[in-house]
């Protein structure tokens, strides 16, 4: 099944907003990751990859390497 990028982008934006909101309230990183993991039904490692920008960087690198072929 193909990915719907619009839905993923919307989810990631909401996830990032909630992460920022919770971190500004003083919650620990571990508590935030656990909370978001339960809310979005994703592993804590996946949440971390999204909020840290890791997945976006990886996607951009893949696109650059594919463009050079």
C-alpha atoms as a PDB file:
ATOM      1  CA  UNK A   1       0.000   0.000   0.000  1.00  0.00           C
ATOM      2  CA  UNK A   2       1.493   3.395  -0.977  1.00  0.00           C
ATOM      3  CA  UNK A   3       2.219   5.938   1.723  1.00  0.00           C
ATOM      4  CA  UNK A   4       0.074   9.029   1.919  1.00  0.00           C
ATOM      5  CA  UNK A   5       2.710  11.732   2.438  1.00  0.00           C
ATOM      6  CA  UNK A   6       0.106  14.342   3.365  1.00  0.00           C
ATOM      7  CA  UNK A   7      -1.084  12.257   6.302  1.00  0.00           C
ATOM      8  CA  UNK A   8       2.480  11.493   7.431  1.00  0.00           C
ATOM      9  CA  UNK A   9       3.443  15.155   7.217  1.00  0.00           C
ATOM     10  CA  UNK A  10       0.391  16.156   9.256  1.00  0.00           C
ATOM     11  CA  UNK A  11       1.163  13.493  11.877  1.00  0.00           C
ATOM     12  CA  UNK A  12       4.808  14.523  12.100  1.00  0.00           C
ATOM     13  CA  UNK A  13       3.918  18.202  12.444  1.00  0.00           C
ATOM     14  CA  UNK A  14       1.492  17.435  15.274  1.00  0.00           C
ATOM     15  CA  UNK A  15       4.057  15.165  16.907  1.00  0.00           C
ATOM     16  CA  UNK A  16       6.727  17.879  16.754  1.00  0.00           C
ATOM     17  CA  UNK A  17       4.321  20.473  18.177  1.00  0.00           C
ATOM     18  CA  UNK A  18       3.370  18.259  21.096  1.00  0.00           C
ATOM     19  CA  UNK A  19       7.014  17.398  21.746  1.00  0.00           C
ATOM     20  CA  UNK A  20       7.912  21.084  21.900  1.00  0.00           C
ATOM     21  CA  UNK A  21       4.926  21.887  24.122  1.00  0.00           C
ATOM     22  CA  UNK A  22       5.770  19.117  26.598  1.00  0.00           C
ATOM     23  CA  UNK A  23       9.463  19.978  26.679  1.00  0.00           C
ATOM     24  CA  UNK A  24       8.617  23.621  27.431  1.00  0.00           C
ATOM     25  CA  UNK A  25       6.538  22.404  30.360  1.00  0.00           C
ATOM     26  CA  UNK A  26       9.685  20.807  31.792  1.00  0.00           C
ATOM     27  CA  UNK A  27       9.003  17.123  31.193  1.00  0.00           C
ATOM     28  CA  UNK A  28      11.991  14.816  30.727  1.00  0.00           C
ATOM     29  CA  UNK A  29      12.822  13.539  27.264  1.00  0.00           C
ATOM     30  CA  UNK A  30      12.046   9.964  28.331  1.00  0.00           C
ATOM     31  CA  UNK A  31       8.614  10.963  29.682  1.00  0.00           C
ATOM     32  CA  UNK A  32       7.819  12.893  26.495  1.00  0.00           C
ATOM     33  CA  UNK A  33       8.847  10.006  24.240  1.00  0.00           C
ATOM     34  CA  UNK A  34       6.740   7.587  26.292  1.00  0.00           C
ATOM     35  CA  UNK A  35       3.708   9.863  26.195  1.00  0.00           C
ATOM     36  CA  UNK A  36       3.948  10.483  22.448  1.00  0.00           C
ATOM     37  CA  UNK A  37       4.589   6.801  21.806  1.00  0.00           C
ATOM     38  CA  UNK A  38       1.312   5.888  23.498  1.00  0.00           C
ATOM     39  CA  UNK A  39      -0.626   8.683  21.788  1.00  0.00           C
ATOM     40  CA  UNK A  40       0.608   7.991  18.235  1.00  0.00           C
ATOM     41  CA  UNK A  41       1.074   4.195  18.539  1.00  0.00           C
ATOM     42  CA  UNK A  42       4.724   4.408  17.503  1.00  0.00           C
ATOM     43  CA  UNK A  43       7.899   3.110  19.135  1.00  0.00           C
ATOM     44  CA  UNK A  44       9.833   5.618  21.232  1.00  0.00           C
ATOM     45  CA  UNK A  45      12.780   5.226  18.832  1.00  0.00           C
ATOM     46  CA  UNK A  46      10.550   6.189  15.901  1.00  0.00           C
ATOM     47  CA  UNK A  47       9.283   9.246  17.791  1.00  0.00           C
ATOM     48  CA  UNK A  48      12.891  10.237  18.486  1.00  0.00           C
ATOM     49  CA  UNK A  49      13.800   9.836  14.803  1.00  0.00           C
ATOM     50  CA  UNK A  50      10.945  12.103  13.767  1.00  0.00           C
ATOM     51  CA  UNK A  51      11.447  14.889  16.316  1.00  0.00           C
ATOM     52  CA  UNK A  52      15.245  14.913  15.895  1.00  0.00           C
ATOM     53  CA  UNK A  53      14.931  15.277  12.117  1.00  0.00           C
ATOM     54  CA  UNK A  54      16.794  12.032  11.501  1.00  0.00           C
ATOM     55  CA  UNK A  55      14.176  10.632   9.127  1.00  0.00           C
ATOM     56  CA  UNK A  56      13.948  13.873   7.170  1.00  0.00           C
ATOM     57  CA  UNK A  57      17.749  14.014   6.740  1.00  0.00           C
ATOM     58  CA  UNK A  58      17.801  10.389   5.627  1.00  0.00           C
ATOM     59  CA  UNK A  59      15.019  11.032   3.117  1.00  0.00           C
ATOM     60  CA  UNK A  60      16.876  14.051   1.694  1.00  0.00           C
ATOM     61  CA  UNK A  61      20.127  12.082   1.366  1.00  0.00           C
ATOM     62  CA  UNK A  62      18.325   9.297  -0.490  1.00  0.00           C
ATOM     63  CA  UNK A  63      16.720  11.781  -2.868  1.00  0.00           C
ATOM     64  CA  UNK A  64      20.090  13.436  -3.574  1.00  0.00           C
ATOM     65  CA  UNK A  65      21.805  10.118  -4.279  1.00  0.00           C
ATOM     66  CA  UNK A  66      18.945   9.001  -6.538  1.00  0.00           C
ATOM     67  CA  UNK A  67      19.063  12.309  -8.448  1.00  0.00           C
ATOM     68  CA  UNK A  68      22.761  11.795  -9.172  1.00  0.00           C
ATOM     69  CA  UNK A  69      22.153   8.490 -10.974  1.00  0.00           C
END
